[in-house]
């Protein structure tokens, strides 16, 4: 769990840099990156992300500032990841 949390938070931060709000933050939409797939080094974090976000059908372009997007997504993500470490799958219903 220790490596999942910072990488997933960083990926959502990357989306926020492009003013994208995922709008369906849930464990079912976080998948491991394929081990065989070549990926590029993230220009913001300086490493290859080990996780991917999927299911962007509810995502939207936003004019909300990056810090507010990060705050909102990090609140959901921390809850999901912290509970997963305890053995609980928290998969909130999309709004």
PDB file of N, CA and C in Angstrom:
ATOM      1  N   UNK A   1       0.807  -1.197   0.000  1.00  0.00           N
ATOM      2  CA  UNK A   1       0.000   0.000   0.000  1.00  0.00           C
ATOM      3  C   UNK A   1       0.852   1.264   0.000  1.00  0.00           C
ATOM      4  N   UNK A   2       2.046   1.171   0.576  1.00  0.00           N
ATOM      5  CA  UNK A   2       2.877   2.365   0.692  1.00  0.00           C
ATOM      6  C   UNK A   2       3.270   2.937  -0.662  1.00  0.00           C
ATOM      7  N   UNK A   3       3.423   2.081  -1.678  1.00  0.00           N
ATOM      8  CA  UNK A   3       3.802   2.584  -2.994  1.00  0.00           C
ATOM      9  C   UNK A   3       2.594   2.980  -3.831  1.00  0.00           C
ATOM     10  N   UNK A   4       1.438   2.399  -3.532  1.00  0.00           N
ATOM     11  CA  UNK A   4       0.237   2.718  -4.302  1.00  0.00           C
ATOM     12  C   UNK A   4      -0.208   4.156  -4.044  1.00  0.00           C
ATOM     13  N   UNK A   5      -0.285   4.517  -2.799  1.00  0.00           N
ATOM     14  CA  UNK A   5      -0.855   5.807  -2.411  1.00  0.00           C
ATOM     15  C   UNK A   5      -0.177   7.003  -3.087  1.00  0.00           C
ATOM     16  N   UNK A   6       1.151   7.164  -2.983  1.00  0.00           N
ATOM     17  CA  UNK A   6       1.739   8.348  -3.610  1.00  0.00           C
ATOM     18  C   UNK A   6       1.633   8.340  -5.130  1.00  0.00           C
ATOM     19  N   UNK A   7       1.698   7.167  -5.745  1.00  0.00           N
ATOM     20  CA  UNK A   7       1.632   7.108  -7.200  1.00  0.00           C
ATOM     21  C   UNK A   7       0.235   7.462  -7.699  1.00  0.00           C
ATOM     22  N   UNK A   8      -0.789   6.938  -7.052  1.00  0.00           N
ATOM     23  CA  UNK A   8      -2.161   7.244  -7.461  1.00  0.00           C
ATOM     24  C   UNK A   8      -2.483   8.716  -7.209  1.00  0.00           C
ATOM     25  N   UNK A   9      -2.066   9.251  -6.081  1.00  0.00           N
ATOM     26  CA  UNK A   9      -2.281  10.677  -5.808  1.00  0.00           C
ATOM     27  C   UNK A   9      -1.585  11.532  -6.862  1.00  0.00           C
ATOM     28  N   UNK A  10      -0.385  11.116  -7.269  1.00  0.00           N
ATOM     29  CA  UNK A  10       0.372  11.862  -8.280  1.00  0.00           C
ATOM     30  C   UNK A  10      -0.334  11.835  -9.634  1.00  0.00           C
ATOM     31  N   UNK A  11      -0.922  10.713  -9.982  1.00  0.00           N
ATOM     32  CA  UNK A  11      -1.621  10.619 -11.265  1.00  0.00           C
ATOM     33  C   UNK A  11      -2.835  11.548 -11.292  1.00  0.00           C
ATOM     34  N   UNK A  12      -3.596  11.571 -10.218  1.00  0.00           N
ATOM     35  CA  UNK A  12      -4.733  12.493 -10.163  1.00  0.00           C
ATOM     36  C   UNK A  12      -4.266  13.946 -10.178  1.00  0.00           C
ATOM     37  N   UNK A  13      -3.113  14.206  -9.584  1.00  0.00           N
ATOM     38  CA  UNK A  13      -2.537  15.543  -9.634  1.00  0.00           C
ATOM     39  C   UNK A  13      -2.182  15.902 -11.081  1.00  0.00           C
ATOM     40  N   UNK A  14      -1.626  14.936 -11.807  1.00  0.00           N
ATOM     41  CA  UNK A  14      -1.302  15.169 -13.224  1.00  0.00           C
ATOM     42  C   UNK A  14      -2.547  15.538 -14.016  1.00  0.00           C
ATOM     43  N   UNK A  15      -3.652  14.843 -13.766  1.00  0.00           N
ATOM     44  CA  UNK A  15      -4.893  15.168 -14.476  1.00  0.00           C
ATOM     45  C   UNK A  15      -5.354  16.572 -14.116  1.00  0.00           C
ATOM     46  N   UNK A  16      -5.201  16.938 -12.857  1.00  0.00           N
ATOM     47  CA  UNK A  16      -5.582  18.280 -12.423  1.00  0.00           C
ATOM     48  C   UNK A  16      -4.782  19.369 -13.118  1.00  0.00           C
ATOM     49  N   UNK A  17      -3.540  19.070 -13.453  1.00  0.00           N
ATOM     50  CA  UNK A  17      -2.713  20.053 -14.177  1.00  0.00           C
ATOM     51  C   UNK A  17      -3.311  20.409 -15.530  1.00  0.00           C
ATOM     52  N   UNK A  18      -4.095  19.473 -16.071  1.00  0.00           N
ATOM     53  CA  UNK A  18      -4.755  19.710 -17.351  1.00  0.00           C
ATOM     54  C   UNK A  18      -6.226  20.081 -17.155  1.00  0.00           C
ATOM     55  N   UNK A  19      -6.576  20.427 -15.915  1.00  0.00           N
ATOM     56  CA  UNK A  19      -7.937  20.845 -15.544  1.00  0.00           C
ATOM     57  C   UNK A  19      -8.972  19.763 -15.837  1.00  0.00           C
ATOM     58  N   UNK A  20      -8.586  18.509 -15.644  1.00  0.00           N
ATOM     59  CA  UNK A  20      -9.509  17.393 -15.838  1.00  0.00           C
ATOM     60  C   UNK A  20      -9.952  16.882 -14.479  1.00  0.00           C
ATOM     61  N   UNK A  21     -11.246  16.835 -14.272  1.00  0.00           N
ATOM     62  CA  UNK A  21     -11.823  16.228 -13.077  1.00  0.00           C
ATOM     63  C   UNK A  21     -12.374  14.868 -13.488  1.00  0.00           C
ATOM     64  N   UNK A  22     -11.952  13.823 -12.804  1.00  0.00           N
ATOM     65  CA  UNK A  22     -12.344  12.461 -13.171  1.00  0.00           C
ATOM     66  C   UNK A  22     -13.834  12.220 -12.919  1.00  0.00           C
ATOM     67  N   UNK A  23     -14.346  12.671 -11.804  1.00  0.00           N
ATOM     68  CA  UNK A  23     -15.762  12.613 -11.428  1.00  0.00           C
ATOM     69  C   UNK A  23     -16.274  11.207 -11.090  1.00  0.00           C
ATOM     70  N   UNK A  24     -15.404  10.213 -11.092  1.00  0.00           N
ATOM     71  CA  UNK A  24     -15.807   8.859 -10.701  1.00  0.00           C
ATOM     72  C   UNK A  24     -14.621   8.192 -10.006  1.00  0.00           C
ATOM     73  N   UNK A  25     -14.157   8.827  -8.940  1.00  0.00           N
ATOM     74  CA  UNK A  25     -13.005   8.304  -8.209  1.00  0.00           C
ATOM     75  C   UNK A  25     -13.445   7.094  -7.408  1.00  0.00           C
ATOM     76  N   UNK A  26     -12.957   5.931  -7.809  1.00  0.00           N
ATOM     77  CA  UNK A  26     -13.313   4.686  -7.141  1.00  0.00           C
ATOM     78  C   UNK A  26     -12.205   3.670  -7.395  1.00  0.00           C
ATOM     79  N   UNK A  27     -12.077   2.707  -6.475  1.00  0.00           N
ATOM     80  CA  UNK A  27     -11.023   1.701  -6.611  1.00  0.00           C
ATOM     81  C   UNK A  27     -11.152   0.934  -7.923  1.00  0.00           C
ATOM     82  N   UNK A  28     -12.361   0.711  -8.387  1.00  0.00           N
ATOM     83  CA  UNK A  28     -12.575  -0.035  -9.628  1.00  0.00           C
ATOM     84  C   UNK A  28     -11.996   0.694 -10.846  1.00  0.00           C
ATOM     85  N   UNK A  29     -11.700   1.985 -10.695  1.00  0.00           N
ATOM     86  CA  UNK A  29     -11.158   2.766 -11.811  1.00  0.00           C
ATOM     87  C   UNK A  29      -9.656   3.013 -11.706  1.00  0.00           C
ATOM     88  N   UNK A  30      -9.007   2.276 -10.810  1.00  0.00           N
ATOM     89  CA  UNK A  30      -7.546   2.363 -10.652  1.00  0.00           C
ATOM     90  C   UNK A  30      -6.989   0.983 -10.978  1.00  0.00           C
ATOM     91  N   UNK A  31      -6.178   0.897 -12.024  1.00  0.00           N
ATOM     92  CA  UNK A  31      -5.640  -0.399 -12.455  1.00  0.00           C
ATOM     93  C   UNK A  31      -4.119  -0.329 -12.537  1.00  0.00           C
ATOM     94  N   UNK A  32      -3.493  -1.479 -12.335  1.00  0.00           N
ATOM     95  CA  UNK A  32      -2.035  -1.555 -12.432  1.00  0.00           C
ATOM     96  C   UNK A  32      -1.611  -1.406 -13.889  1.00  0.00           C
ATOM     97  N   UNK A  33      -0.509  -0.703 -14.101  1.00  0.00           N
ATOM     98  CA  UNK A  33       0.031  -0.551 -15.442  1.00  0.00           C
ATOM     99  C   UNK A  33       0.571  -1.899 -15.909  1.00  0.00           C
ATOM    100  N   UNK A  34       0.395  -2.230 -17.174  1.00  0.00           N
ATOM    101  CA  UNK A  34       0.942  -3.494 -17.675  1.00  0.00           C
ATOM    102  C   UNK A  34       2.459  -3.542 -17.496  1.00  0.00           C
ATOM    103  N   UNK A  35       2.947  -4.671 -17.054  1.00  0.00           N
ATOM    104  CA  UNK A  35       4.387  -4.818 -16.804  1.00  0.00           C
ATOM    105  C   UNK A  35       5.193  -4.765 -18.094  1.00  0.00           C
ATOM    106  N   UNK A  36       4.594  -5.154 -19.193  1.00  0.00           N
ATOM    107  CA  UNK A  36       5.332  -5.206 -20.460  1.00  0.00           C
ATOM    108  C   UNK A  36       5.237  -3.922 -21.270  1.00  0.00           C
ATOM    109  N   UNK A  37       4.351  -3.052 -20.889  1.00  0.00           N
ATOM    110  CA  UNK A  37       4.150  -1.821 -21.649  1.00  0.00           C
ATOM    111  C   UNK A  37       5.256  -0.822 -21.352  1.00  0.00           C
ATOM    112  N   UNK A  38       5.819  -0.283 -22.420  1.00  0.00           N
ATOM    113  CA  UNK A  38       6.779   0.797 -22.229  1.00  0.00           C
ATOM    114  C   UNK A  38       5.993   2.068 -21.912  1.00  0.00           C
ATOM    115  N   UNK A  39       6.451   2.775 -20.943  1.00  0.00           N
ATOM    116  CA  UNK A  39       5.796   4.032 -20.619  1.00  0.00           C
ATOM    117  C   UNK A  39       6.854   5.110 -20.458  1.00  0.00           C
ATOM    118  N   UNK A  40       6.408   6.330 -20.581  1.00  0.00           N
ATOM    119  CA  UNK A  40       7.349   7.435 -20.477  1.00  0.00           C
ATOM    120  C   UNK A  40       7.458   7.905 -19.028  1.00  0.00           C
ATOM    121  N   UNK A  41       8.520   8.575 -18.750  1.00  0.00           N
ATOM    122  CA  UNK A  41       8.727   9.145 -17.421  1.00  0.00           C
ATOM    123  C   UNK A  41       7.839  10.377 -17.295  1.00  0.00           C
ATOM    124  N   UNK A  42       7.117  10.460 -16.196  1.00  0.00           N
ATOM    125  CA  UNK A  42       6.237  11.597 -15.939  1.00  0.00           C
ATOM    126  C   UNK A  42       7.095  12.861 -15.817  1.00  0.00           C
ATOM    127  N   UNK A  43       6.807  13.875 -16.610  1.00  0.00           N
ATOM    128  CA  UNK A  43       7.612  15.094 -16.537  1.00  0.00           C
ATOM    129  C   UNK A  43       7.415  15.870 -15.226  1.00  0.00           C
ATOM    130  N   UNK A  44       6.333  15.599 -14.514  1.00  0.00           N
ATOM    131  CA  UNK A  44       6.059  16.307 -13.265  1.00  0.00           C
ATOM    132  C   UNK A  44       6.632  15.605 -12.043  1.00  0.00           C
ATOM    133  N   UNK A  45       6.705  14.272 -12.101  1.00  0.00           N
ATOM    134  CA  UNK A  45       7.135  13.506 -10.938  1.00  0.00           C
ATOM    135  C   UNK A  45       8.454  12.773 -11.134  1.00  0.00           C
ATOM    136  N   UNK A  46       8.955  12.715 -12.353  1.00  0.00           N
ATOM    137  CA  UNK A  46      10.277  12.153 -12.626  1.00  0.00           C
ATOM    138  C   UNK A  46      10.379  10.644 -12.546  1.00  0.00           C
ATOM    139  N   UNK A  47       9.257   9.927 -12.656  1.00  0.00           N
ATOM    140  CA  UNK A  47       9.308   8.459 -12.684  1.00  0.00           C
ATOM    141  C   UNK A  47       8.136   7.922 -13.512  1.00  0.00           C
ATOM    142  N   UNK A  48       8.194   6.631 -13.817  1.00  0.00           N
ATOM    143  CA  UNK A  48       7.103   5.987 -14.546  1.00  0.00           C
ATOM    144  C   UNK A  48       6.029   5.574 -13.542  1.00  0.00           C
ATOM    145  N   UNK A  49       4.815   6.005 -13.779  1.00  0.00           N
ATOM    146  CA  UNK A  49       3.716   5.636 -12.893  1.00  0.00           C
ATOM    147  C   UNK A  49       3.386   4.151 -13.054  1.00  0.00           C
ATOM    148  N   UNK A  50       3.128   3.489 -11.932  1.00  0.00           N
ATOM    149  CA  UNK A  50       2.823   2.060 -11.920  1.00  0.00           C
ATOM    150  C   UNK A  50       1.319   1.778 -11.970  1.00  0.00           C
ATOM    151  N   UNK A  51       0.525   2.825 -11.974  1.00  0.00           N
ATOM    152  CA  UNK A  51      -0.924   2.688 -11.958  1.00  0.00           C
ATOM    153  C   UNK A  51      -1.544   3.522 -13.059  1.00  0.00           C
ATOM    154  N   UNK A  52      -2.742   3.180 -13.458  1.00  0.00           N
ATOM    155  CA  UNK A  52      -3.476   3.907 -14.491  1.00  0.00           C
ATOM    156  C   UNK A  52      -4.886   4.182 -14.007  1.00  0.00           C
ATOM    157  N   UNK A  53      -5.469   5.259 -14.510  1.00  0.00           N
ATOM    158  CA  UNK A  53      -6.852   5.593 -14.238  1.00  0.00           C
ATOM    159  C   UNK A  53      -7.662   5.229 -15.475  1.00  0.00           C
ATOM    160  N   UNK A  54      -8.838   4.683 -15.257  1.00  0.00           N
ATOM    161  CA  UNK A  54      -9.719   4.308 -16.365  1.00  0.00           C
ATOM    162  C   UNK A  54     -11.109   4.883 -16.116  1.00  0.00           C
ATOM    163  N   UNK A  55     -11.967   4.713 -17.088  1.00  0.00           N
ATOM    164  CA  UNK A  55     -13.373   5.104 -17.009  1.00  0.00           C
ATOM    165  C   UNK A  55     -13.527   6.621 -16.913  1.00  0.00           C
ATOM    166  N   UNK A  56     -13.284   7.263 -18.017  1.00  0.00           N
ATOM    167  CA  UNK A  56     -13.363   8.723 -18.074  1.00  0.00           C
ATOM    168  C   UNK A  56     -14.692   9.225 -18.647  1.00  0.00           C
ATOM    169  N   UNK A  57     -15.713   8.372 -18.691  1.00  0.00           N
ATOM    170  CA  UNK A  57     -16.964   8.800 -19.307  1.00  0.00           C
ATOM    171  C   UNK A  57     -17.660   9.920 -18.527  1.00  0.00           C
ATOM    172  N   UNK A  58     -17.351  10.062 -17.245  1.00  0.00           N
ATOM    173  CA  UNK A  58     -17.963  11.132 -16.441  1.00  0.00           C
ATOM    174  C   UNK A  58     -17.006  12.307 -16.207  1.00  0.00           C
ATOM    175  N   UNK A  59     -15.810  12.198 -16.743  1.00  0.00           N
ATOM    176  CA  UNK A  59     -14.833  13.263 -16.503  1.00  0.00           C
ATOM    177  C   UNK A  59     -15.247  14.538 -17.232  1.00  0.00           C
ATOM    178  N   UNK A  60     -14.659  15.637 -16.786  1.00  0.00           N
ATOM    179  CA  UNK A  60     -14.989  16.917 -17.402  1.00  0.00           C
ATOM    180  C   UNK A  60     -13.809  17.862 -17.311  1.00  0.00           C
ATOM    181  N   UNK A  61     -13.783  18.780 -18.219  1.00  0.00           N
ATOM    182  CA  UNK A  61     -12.816  19.862 -18.204  1.00  0.00           C
ATOM    183  C   UNK A  61     -13.333  20.890 -17.214  1.00  0.00           C
ATOM    184  N   UNK A  62     -12.433  21.444 -16.417  1.00  0.00           N
ATOM    185  CA  UNK A  62     -12.871  22.325 -15.346  1.00  0.00           C
ATOM    186  C   UNK A  62     -12.039  23.597 -15.309  1.00  0.00           C
ATOM    187  N   UNK A  63     -12.608  24.639 -14.776  1.00  0.00           N
ATOM    188  CA  UNK A  63     -11.847  25.866 -14.558  1.00  0.00           C
ATOM    189  C   UNK A  63     -11.499  26.038 -13.078  1.00  0.00           C
ATOM    190  N   UNK A  64     -11.681  24.962 -12.315  1.00  0.00           N
ATOM    191  CA  UNK A  64     -11.339  24.982 -10.895  1.00  0.00           C
ATOM    192  C   UNK A  64      -9.814  24.966 -10.761  1.00  0.00           C
ATOM    193  N   UNK A  65      -9.236  25.762  -9.864  1.00  0.00           N
ATOM    194  CA  UNK A  65      -7.780  25.787  -9.687  1.00  0.00           C
ATOM    195  C   UNK A  65      -7.222  24.415  -9.277  1.00  0.00           C
ATOM    196  N   UNK A  66      -5.993  24.146  -9.682  1.00  0.00           N
ATOM    197  CA  UNK A  66      -5.331  22.868  -9.430  1.00  0.00           C
ATOM    198  C   UNK A  66      -5.379  22.472  -7.961  1.00  0.00           C
ATOM    199  N   UNK A  67      -5.107  23.388  -7.058  1.00  0.00           N
ATOM    200  CA  UNK A  67      -5.074  23.023  -5.637  1.00  0.00           C
ATOM    201  C   UNK A  67      -6.439  22.537  -5.146  1.00  0.00           C
ATOM    202  N   UNK A  68      -7.523  23.090  -5.700  1.00  0.00           N
ATOM    203  CA  UNK A  68      -8.858  22.646  -5.294  1.00  0.00           C
ATOM    204  C   UNK A  68      -9.210  21.286  -5.899  1.00  0.00           C
ATOM    205  N   UNK A  69      -8.788  21.044  -7.145  1.00  0.00           N
ATOM    206  CA  UNK A  69      -8.990  19.729  -7.758  1.00  0.00           C
ATOM    207  C   UNK A  69      -8.222  18.675  -6.965  1.00  0.00           C
ATOM    208  N   UNK A  70      -6.964  18.981  -6.618  1.00  0.00           N
ATOM    209  CA  UNK A  70      -6.147  18.042  -5.848  1.00  0.00           C
ATOM    210  C   UNK A  70      -6.769  17.775  -4.481  1.00  0.00           C
ATOM    211  N   UNK A  71      -7.245  18.802  -3.823  1.00  0.00           N
ATOM    212  CA  UNK A  71      -7.850  18.622  -2.507  1.00  0.00           C
ATOM    213  C   UNK A  71      -9.059  17.687  -2.576  1.00  0.00           C
ATOM    214  N   UNK A  72      -9.922  17.906  -3.553  1.00  0.00           N
ATOM    215  CA  UNK A  72     -11.129  17.082  -3.687  1.00  0.00           C
ATOM    216  C   UNK A  72     -10.783  15.639  -4.024  1.00  0.00           C
ATOM    217  N   UNK A  73      -9.908  15.429  -5.008  1.00  0.00           N
ATOM    218  CA  UNK A  73      -9.579  14.060  -5.396  1.00  0.00           C
ATOM    219  C   UNK A  73      -8.767  13.356  -4.317  1.00  0.00           C
ATOM    220  N   UNK A  74      -7.858  14.060  -3.656  1.00  0.00           N
ATOM    221  CA  UNK A  74      -7.054  13.435  -2.608  1.00  0.00           C
ATOM    222  C   UNK A  74      -7.901  12.993  -1.424  1.00  0.00           C
ATOM    223  N   UNK A  75      -8.950  13.725  -1.115  1.00  0.00           N
ATOM    224  CA  UNK A  75      -9.837  13.328  -0.019  1.00  0.00           C
ATOM    225  C   UNK A  75     -10.470  11.972  -0.306  1.00  0.00           C
ATOM    226  N   UNK A  76     -10.994  11.807  -1.517  1.00  0.00           N
ATOM    227  CA  UNK A  76     -11.586  10.529  -1.907  1.00  0.00           C
ATOM    228  C   UNK A  76     -10.530   9.433  -1.943  1.00  0.00           C
ATOM    229  N   UNK A  77      -9.405   9.728  -2.580  1.00  0.00           N
ATOM    230  CA  UNK A  77      -8.370   8.702  -2.769  1.00  0.00           C
ATOM    231  C   UNK A  77      -7.784   8.220  -1.451  1.00  0.00           C
ATOM    232  N   UNK A  78      -7.519   9.130  -0.550  1.00  0.00           N
ATOM    233  CA  UNK A  78      -6.969   8.718   0.753  1.00  0.00           C
ATOM    234  C   UNK A  78      -7.950   7.797   1.488  1.00  0.00           C
ATOM    235  N   UNK A  79      -9.218   8.103   1.424  1.00  0.00           N
ATOM    236  CA  UNK A  79     -10.229   7.262   2.049  1.00  0.00           C
ATOM    237  C   UNK A  79     -10.233   5.865   1.414  1.00  0.00           C
ATOM    238  N   UNK A  80     -10.212   5.798   0.108  1.00  0.00           N
ATOM    239  CA  UNK A  80     -10.226   4.520  -0.603  1.00  0.00           C
ATOM    240  C   UNK A  80      -8.976   3.706  -0.272  1.00  0.00           C
ATOM    241  N   UNK A  81      -7.811   4.306  -0.384  1.00  0.00           N
ATOM    242  CA  UNK A  81      -6.549   3.580  -0.189  1.00  0.00           C
ATOM    243  C   UNK A  81      -6.335   3.203   1.272  1.00  0.00           C
ATOM    244  N   UNK A  82      -6.615   4.102   2.194  1.00  0.00           N
ATOM    245  CA  UNK A  82      -6.432   3.789   3.614  1.00  0.00           C
ATOM    246  C   UNK A  82      -7.331   2.642   4.062  1.00  0.00           C
ATOM    247  N   UNK A  83      -8.559   2.614   3.576  1.00  0.00           N
ATOM    248  CA  UNK A  83      -9.467   1.531   3.943  1.00  0.00           C
ATOM    249  C   UNK A  83      -9.094   0.225   3.260  1.00  0.00           C
ATOM    250  N   UNK A  84      -8.538   0.298   2.071  1.00  0.00           N
ATOM    251  CA  UNK A  84      -8.092  -0.907   1.384  1.00  0.00           C
ATOM    252  C   UNK A  84      -6.979  -1.585   2.181  1.00  0.00           C
ATOM    253  N   UNK A  85      -6.090  -0.793   2.748  1.00  0.00           N
ATOM    254  CA  UNK A  85      -5.003  -1.340   3.560  1.00  0.00           C
ATOM    255  C   UNK A  85      -5.537  -2.078   4.788  1.00  0.00           C
ATOM    256  N   UNK A  86      -6.734  -1.693   5.237  1.00  0.00           N
ATOM    257  CA  UNK A  86      -7.364  -2.339   6.396  1.00  0.00           C
ATOM    258  C   UNK A  86      -8.235  -3.523   5.988  1.00  0.00           C
ATOM    259  N   UNK A  87      -8.310  -3.783   4.683  1.00  0.00           N
ATOM    260  CA  UNK A  87      -9.109  -4.906   4.209  1.00  0.00           C
ATOM    261  C   UNK A  87     -10.506  -4.544   3.754  1.00  0.00           C
ATOM    262  N   UNK A  88     -10.814  -3.251   3.701  1.00  0.00           N
ATOM    263  CA  UNK A  88     -12.139  -2.810   3.266  1.00  0.00           C
ATOM    264  C   UNK A  88     -12.042  -2.202   1.871  1.00  0.00           C
ATOM    265  N   UNK A  89     -12.921  -2.627   1.003  1.00  0.00           N
ATOM    266  CA  UNK A  89     -12.972  -2.030  -0.321  1.00  0.00           C
ATOM    267  C   UNK A  89     -14.020  -0.927  -0.287  1.00  0.00           C
ATOM    268  N   UNK A  90     -13.567   0.291  -0.387  1.00  0.00           N
ATOM    269  CA  UNK A  90     -14.452   1.456  -0.397  1.00  0.00           C
ATOM    270  C   UNK A  90     -14.578   1.905  -1.839  1.00  0.00           C
ATOM    271  N   UNK A  91     -15.731   1.729  -2.383  1.00  0.00           N
ATOM    272  CA  UNK A  91     -15.968   2.079  -3.779  1.00  0.00           C
ATOM    273  C   UNK A  91     -17.213   2.956  -3.840  1.00  0.00           C
ATOM    274  N   UNK A  92     -17.041   4.247  -3.602  1.00  0.00           N
ATOM    275  CA  UNK A  92     -18.215   5.118  -3.516  1.00  0.00           C
ATOM    276  C   UNK A  92     -19.015   5.133  -4.822  1.00  0.00           C
ATOM    277  N   UNK A  93     -20.295   5.270  -4.667  1.00  0.00           N
ATOM    278  CA  UNK A  93     -21.152   5.383  -5.837  1.00  0.00           C
ATOM    279  C   UNK A  93     -20.867   6.707  -6.527  1.00  0.00           C
ATOM    280  N   UNK A  94     -20.809   6.682  -7.856  1.00  0.00           N
ATOM    281  CA  UNK A  94     -20.597   7.952  -8.579  1.00  0.00           C
ATOM    282  C   UNK A  94     -21.757   8.903  -8.335  1.00  0.00           C
ATOM    283  N   UNK A  95     -21.451  10.189  -8.357  1.00  0.00           N
ATOM    284  CA  UNK A  95     -22.492  11.173  -8.110  1.00  0.00           C
ATOM    285  C   UNK A  95     -22.992  11.740  -9.402  1.00  0.00           C
TER     286      UNK A  95
END
